[in-house]
Amino acid sequence: MKTSKNKTTTLEQLTTNYFGAVNSPSRDSFNQEYEAFKLGFLIKQARKKKGMTQQALAQKIGSKKSYISLLENDVKEVRLSTLQKLISEGLGGTVQIKVQVGDEVICL
């Protein structure tokens, strides 16, 4: 594993070391799991920023606290329509989608 002059390993180097090269099946699997983790983390951060409990957010969108917990802890996948409802009705925000294919980025 290459390191910089100060012998510090970069995040990219660690990721390649543990999960394989870019576009390998193991790296693709890691990337998919990481994206799901980020979504749950973002929901949790937005909820906390609004000063809401999981229970309060669940009540606002007609759901259960346990469902919000599952989303925030990356245990449950979320449908786009549910995500939009959670963000708009529950948190008063908007969902923005970015699609990246290779180097091309398309924002909706």
N, C-alpha and C. Protein backbone atom coordinates (compact mmCIF):
# COMPACT_ATOMS: atom_id res chain seq x y z
N MET A 1 0.84 -1.17 0.00
CA MET A 1 0.00 0.00 0.00
C MET A 1 0.89 1.23 0.00
N LYS A 2 0.63 2.16 -0.94
CA LYS A 2 1.39 3.40 -1.01
C LYS A 2 0.97 4.35 0.10
N THR A 3 1.92 5.09 0.57
CA THR A 3 1.62 6.13 1.54
C THR A 3 2.29 7.41 1.09
N SER A 4 1.83 8.51 1.63
CA SER A 4 2.44 9.79 1.29
C SER A 4 3.76 9.92 2.04
N LYS A 5 4.46 11.02 1.83
CA LYS A 5 5.77 11.23 2.44
C LYS A 5 5.74 11.13 3.96
N ASN A 6 4.63 11.53 4.56
CA ASN A 6 4.54 11.46 6.01
C ASN A 6 4.02 10.10 6.49
N LYS A 7 3.98 9.14 5.59
CA LYS A 7 3.57 7.76 5.87
C LYS A 7 2.12 7.64 6.35
N THR A 8 1.31 8.58 5.94
CA THR A 8 -0.11 8.54 6.26
C THR A 8 -0.84 7.86 5.11
N THR A 9 -1.72 6.94 5.45
CA THR A 9 -2.51 6.25 4.44
C THR A 9 -3.77 7.06 4.17
N THR A 10 -4.09 7.25 2.89
CA THR A 10 -5.29 8.01 2.52
C THR A 10 -6.52 7.13 2.66
N LEU A 11 -7.69 7.78 2.71
CA LEU A 11 -8.95 7.05 2.78
C LEU A 11 -9.13 6.18 1.54
N GLU A 12 -8.77 6.71 0.38
CA GLU A 12 -8.87 5.93 -0.86
C GLU A 12 -8.00 4.68 -0.80
N GLN A 13 -6.81 4.81 -0.26
CA GLN A 13 -5.91 3.66 -0.14
C GLN A 13 -6.48 2.62 0.82
N LEU A 14 -7.02 3.07 1.94
CA LEU A 14 -7.63 2.13 2.89
C LEU A 14 -8.84 1.43 2.28
N THR A 15 -9.66 2.20 1.58
CA THR A 15 -10.85 1.62 0.96
C THR A 15 -10.46 0.57 -0.08
N THR A 16 -9.48 0.87 -0.89
CA THR A 16 -9.01 -0.09 -1.88
C THR A 16 -8.42 -1.32 -1.21
N ASN A 17 -7.67 -1.12 -0.15
CA ASN A 17 -7.04 -2.23 0.56
C ASN A 17 -8.09 -3.18 1.16
N TYR A 18 -9.13 -2.62 1.76
CA TYR A 18 -10.12 -3.45 2.44
C TYR A 18 -11.27 -3.92 1.57
N PHE A 19 -11.63 -3.13 0.54
CA PHE A 19 -12.82 -3.45 -0.24
C PHE A 19 -12.55 -3.68 -1.71
N GLY A 20 -11.31 -3.60 -2.13
CA GLY A 20 -10.96 -3.90 -3.51
C GLY A 20 -10.91 -2.66 -4.39
N ALA A 21 -10.48 -2.90 -5.61
CA ALA A 21 -10.32 -1.82 -6.58
C ALA A 21 -11.67 -1.25 -7.02
N VAL A 22 -11.66 -0.03 -7.50
CA VAL A 22 -12.86 0.61 -8.03
C VAL A 22 -13.44 -0.28 -9.13
N ASN A 23 -14.76 -0.43 -9.12
CA ASN A 23 -15.52 -1.25 -10.07
C ASN A 23 -15.42 -2.76 -9.84
N SER A 24 -14.77 -3.19 -8.77
CA SER A 24 -14.77 -4.61 -8.43
C SER A 24 -16.08 -4.92 -7.70
N PRO A 25 -16.57 -6.15 -7.74
CA PRO A 25 -17.83 -6.47 -7.06
C PRO A 25 -17.83 -6.12 -5.58
N SER A 26 -16.73 -6.38 -4.89
CA SER A 26 -16.70 -6.09 -3.46
C SER A 26 -16.72 -4.58 -3.20
N ARG A 27 -16.06 -3.81 -4.05
CA ARG A 27 -16.05 -2.35 -3.89
C ARG A 27 -17.42 -1.78 -4.22
N ASP A 28 -18.07 -2.30 -5.26
CA ASP A 28 -19.41 -1.84 -5.62
C ASP A 28 -20.40 -2.11 -4.48
N SER A 29 -20.29 -3.28 -3.85
CA SER A 29 -21.14 -3.62 -2.73
C SER A 29 -20.91 -2.66 -1.56
N PHE A 30 -19.65 -2.38 -1.27
CA PHE A 30 -19.31 -1.43 -0.21
C PHE A 30 -19.91 -0.06 -0.52
N ASN A 31 -19.77 0.40 -1.74
CA ASN A 31 -20.27 1.72 -2.12
C ASN A 31 -21.79 1.81 -1.97
N GLN A 32 -22.50 0.74 -2.33
CA GLN A 32 -23.96 0.73 -2.19
C GLN A 32 -24.36 0.80 -0.72
N GLU A 33 -23.68 0.04 0.12
CA GLU A 33 -23.98 0.06 1.55
C GLU A 33 -23.65 1.42 2.15
N TYR A 34 -22.59 2.03 1.68
CA TYR A 34 -22.20 3.34 2.19
C TYR A 34 -23.23 4.41 1.83
N GLU A 35 -23.76 4.34 0.63
CA GLU A 35 -24.78 5.30 0.21
C GLU A 35 -26.03 5.16 1.08
N ALA A 36 -26.43 3.93 1.40
CA ALA A 36 -27.58 3.71 2.26
C ALA A 36 -27.31 4.26 3.67
N PHE A 37 -26.10 4.05 4.15
CA PHE A 37 -25.71 4.58 5.46
C PHE A 37 -25.81 6.11 5.46
N LYS A 38 -25.32 6.74 4.41
CA LYS A 38 -25.35 8.20 4.34
C LYS A 38 -26.77 8.73 4.39
N LEU A 39 -27.70 8.06 3.73
CA LEU A 39 -29.08 8.52 3.73
C LEU A 39 -29.65 8.50 5.14
N GLY A 40 -29.45 7.41 5.86
CA GLY A 40 -29.93 7.33 7.23
C GLY A 40 -29.30 8.39 8.11
N PHE A 41 -28.02 8.62 7.92
CA PHE A 41 -27.30 9.64 8.69
C PHE A 41 -27.86 11.03 8.40
N LEU A 42 -28.14 11.32 7.13
CA LEU A 42 -28.68 12.63 6.76
C LEU A 42 -30.07 12.84 7.36
N ILE A 43 -30.89 11.81 7.35
CA ILE A 43 -32.23 11.92 7.95
C ILE A 43 -32.10 12.23 9.45
N LYS A 44 -31.23 11.51 10.11
CA LYS A 44 -31.03 11.71 11.55
C LYS A 44 -30.53 13.12 11.84
N GLN A 45 -29.55 13.59 11.07
CA GLN A 45 -28.99 14.93 11.29
C GLN A 45 -30.05 16.00 11.06
N ALA A 46 -30.87 15.85 10.02
CA ALA A 46 -31.92 16.83 9.73
C ALA A 46 -32.96 16.84 10.85
N ARG A 47 -33.31 15.66 11.32
CA ARG A 47 -34.29 15.57 12.42
C ARG A 47 -33.76 16.26 13.67
N LYS A 48 -32.51 15.99 14.00
CA LYS A 48 -31.92 16.60 15.20
C LYS A 48 -31.79 18.11 15.04
N LYS A 49 -31.45 18.56 13.84
CA LYS A 49 -31.32 19.99 13.59
C LYS A 49 -32.66 20.70 13.81
N LYS A 50 -33.75 20.01 13.50
CA LYS A 50 -35.09 20.57 13.72
C LYS A 50 -35.53 20.41 15.17
N GLY A 51 -34.70 19.75 15.99
CA GLY A 51 -35.04 19.56 17.40
C GLY A 51 -36.17 18.57 17.62
N MET A 52 -36.29 17.61 16.71
CA MET A 52 -37.39 16.64 16.78
C MET A 52 -36.91 15.29 17.29
N THR A 53 -37.79 14.61 17.97
CA THR A 53 -37.53 13.23 18.35
C THR A 53 -37.98 12.32 17.21
N GLN A 54 -37.58 11.08 17.26
CA GLN A 54 -38.06 10.12 16.26
C GLN A 54 -39.57 9.99 16.36
N GLN A 55 -40.09 10.01 17.58
CA GLN A 55 -41.53 9.89 17.79
C GLN A 55 -42.28 11.06 17.15
N ALA A 56 -41.77 12.27 17.35
CA ALA A 56 -42.43 13.45 16.79
C ALA A 56 -42.42 13.42 15.26
N LEU A 57 -41.29 13.01 14.68
CA LEU A 57 -41.21 12.91 13.22
C LEU A 57 -42.17 11.85 12.69
N ALA A 58 -42.21 10.73 13.36
CA ALA A 58 -43.10 9.64 12.95
C ALA A 58 -44.56 10.10 12.98
N GLN A 59 -44.95 10.80 14.04
CA GLN A 59 -46.33 11.27 14.15
C GLN A 59 -46.67 12.26 13.03
N LYS A 60 -45.71 13.11 12.67
CA LYS A 60 -45.96 14.10 11.61
C LYS A 60 -46.25 13.46 10.26
N ILE A 61 -45.65 12.29 10.01
CA ILE A 61 -45.85 11.66 8.70
C ILE A 61 -46.76 10.43 8.77
N GLY A 62 -47.36 10.19 9.94
CA GLY A 62 -48.27 9.06 10.09
C GLY A 62 -47.57 7.72 10.09
N SER A 63 -46.43 7.67 10.75
CA SER A 63 -45.64 6.45 10.80
C SER A 63 -45.39 6.08 12.27
N LYS A 64 -44.49 5.12 12.46
CA LYS A 64 -44.13 4.69 13.81
C LYS A 64 -42.68 5.08 14.10
N LYS A 65 -42.40 5.30 15.37
CA LYS A 65 -41.04 5.63 15.80
C LYS A 65 -40.06 4.55 15.35
N SER A 66 -40.47 3.30 15.44
CA SER A 66 -39.58 2.20 15.08
C SER A 66 -39.17 2.27 13.61
N TYR A 67 -40.07 2.77 12.73
CA TYR A 67 -39.75 2.90 11.31
C TYR A 67 -38.68 3.97 11.11
N ILE A 68 -38.82 5.10 11.80
CA ILE A 68 -37.82 6.17 11.71
C ILE A 68 -36.47 5.65 12.20
N SER A 69 -36.48 4.91 13.28
CA SER A 69 -35.24 4.33 13.81
C SER A 69 -34.59 3.39 12.80
N LEU A 70 -35.39 2.56 12.16
CA LEU A 70 -34.86 1.64 11.15
C LEU A 70 -34.23 2.40 9.99
N LEU A 71 -34.86 3.48 9.56
CA LEU A 71 -34.32 4.28 8.47
C LEU A 71 -33.00 4.93 8.88
N GLU A 72 -32.98 5.51 10.06
CA GLU A 72 -31.79 6.21 10.52
C GLU A 72 -30.62 5.27 10.78
N ASN A 73 -30.92 4.04 11.11
CA ASN A 73 -29.86 3.08 11.42
C ASN A 73 -29.57 2.13 10.28
N ASP A 74 -30.01 2.50 9.06
CA ASP A 74 -29.68 1.76 7.85
C ASP A 74 -30.14 0.31 7.90
N VAL A 75 -31.27 0.05 8.54
CA VAL A 75 -31.78 -1.31 8.62
C VAL A 75 -32.89 -1.51 7.60
N LYS A 76 -33.51 -0.43 7.16
CA LYS A 76 -34.65 -0.50 6.27
C LYS A 76 -34.44 0.39 5.06
N GLU A 77 -34.73 -0.12 3.89
CA GLU A 77 -34.69 0.71 2.68
C GLU A 77 -35.93 1.58 2.65
N VAL A 78 -35.81 2.72 2.03
CA VAL A 78 -36.92 3.66 1.98
C VAL A 78 -37.33 3.91 0.53
N ARG A 79 -38.64 3.93 0.29
CA ARG A 79 -39.14 4.27 -1.03
C ARG A 79 -38.98 5.77 -1.24
N LEU A 80 -38.79 6.17 -2.48
CA LEU A 80 -38.61 7.58 -2.80
C LEU A 80 -39.81 8.40 -2.35
N SER A 81 -41.02 7.90 -2.55
CA SER A 81 -42.21 8.64 -2.14
C SER A 81 -42.25 8.82 -0.61
N THR A 82 -41.81 7.82 0.12
CA THR A 82 -41.76 7.92 1.58
C THR A 82 -40.69 8.91 2.00
N LEU A 83 -39.55 8.88 1.33
CA LEU A 83 -38.48 9.82 1.64
C LEU A 83 -38.95 11.26 1.40
N GLN A 84 -39.64 11.48 0.29
CA GLN A 84 -40.15 12.81 -0.02
C GLN A 84 -41.14 13.27 1.05
N LYS A 85 -42.01 12.39 1.48
CA LYS A 85 -42.99 12.72 2.52
C LYS A 85 -42.28 13.02 3.84
N LEU A 86 -41.32 12.21 4.18
CA LEU A 86 -40.57 12.40 5.42
C LEU A 86 -39.88 13.76 5.43
N ILE A 87 -39.22 14.09 4.32
CA ILE A 87 -38.48 15.35 4.25
C ILE A 87 -39.42 16.55 4.13
N SER A 88 -40.42 16.48 3.26
CA SER A 88 -41.28 17.65 3.06
C SER A 88 -42.27 17.85 4.20
N GLU A 89 -43.06 16.84 4.51
CA GLU A 89 -44.08 16.98 5.55
C GLU A 89 -43.49 16.90 6.96
N GLY A 90 -42.53 16.01 7.13
CA GLY A 90 -41.97 15.80 8.46
C GLY A 90 -40.95 16.85 8.86
N LEU A 91 -40.10 17.24 7.93
CA LEU A 91 -39.00 18.15 8.27
C LEU A 91 -39.10 19.51 7.59
N GLY A 92 -40.07 19.68 6.71
CA GLY A 92 -40.24 20.96 6.03
C GLY A 92 -39.15 21.28 5.03
N GLY A 93 -38.58 20.25 4.44
CA GLY A 93 -37.51 20.45 3.47
C GLY A 93 -37.86 19.92 2.10
N THR A 94 -36.87 19.82 1.23
CA THR A 94 -37.05 19.27 -0.11
C THR A 94 -35.98 18.22 -0.36
N VAL A 95 -36.30 17.29 -1.24
CA VAL A 95 -35.35 16.27 -1.66
C VAL A 95 -34.78 16.68 -3.00
N GLN A 96 -33.47 16.64 -3.12
CA GLN A 96 -32.81 16.92 -4.39
C GLN A 96 -32.08 15.64 -4.80
N ILE A 97 -32.19 15.30 -6.07
CA ILE A 97 -31.59 14.06 -6.56
C ILE A 97 -30.50 14.38 -7.57
N LYS A 98 -29.38 13.72 -7.41
CA LYS A 98 -28.26 13.86 -8.33
C LYS A 98 -27.92 12.46 -8.84
N VAL A 99 -27.84 12.31 -10.14
CA VAL A 99 -27.47 11.04 -10.74
C VAL A 99 -26.11 11.22 -11.40
N GLN A 100 -25.16 10.33 -11.06
CA GLN A 100 -23.84 10.41 -11.66
C GLN A 100 -23.55 9.10 -12.38
N VAL A 101 -23.25 9.22 -13.66
CA VAL A 101 -22.87 8.08 -14.48
C VAL A 101 -21.49 8.42 -15.04
N GLY A 102 -20.48 7.71 -14.54
CA GLY A 102 -19.12 8.05 -14.92
C GLY A 102 -18.79 9.44 -14.41
N ASP A 103 -18.34 10.30 -15.30
CA ASP A 103 -18.01 11.67 -14.93
C ASP A 103 -19.18 12.63 -15.12
N GLU A 104 -20.27 12.14 -15.72
CA GLU A 104 -21.41 13.01 -16.00
C GLU A 104 -22.37 13.04 -14.82
N VAL A 105 -22.75 14.24 -14.42
CA VAL A 105 -23.67 14.43 -13.30
C VAL A 105 -24.94 15.10 -13.82
N ILE A 106 -26.08 14.51 -13.46
CA ILE A 106 -27.38 15.04 -13.85
C ILE A 106 -28.14 15.34 -12.57
N CYS A 107 -28.57 16.58 -12.40
CA CYS A 107 -29.34 16.96 -11.22
C CYS A 107 -30.79 17.15 -11.62
N LEU A 108 -31.68 16.61 -10.82
CA LEU A 108 -33.12 16.74 -11.08
C LEU A 108 -33.71 17.79 -10.19
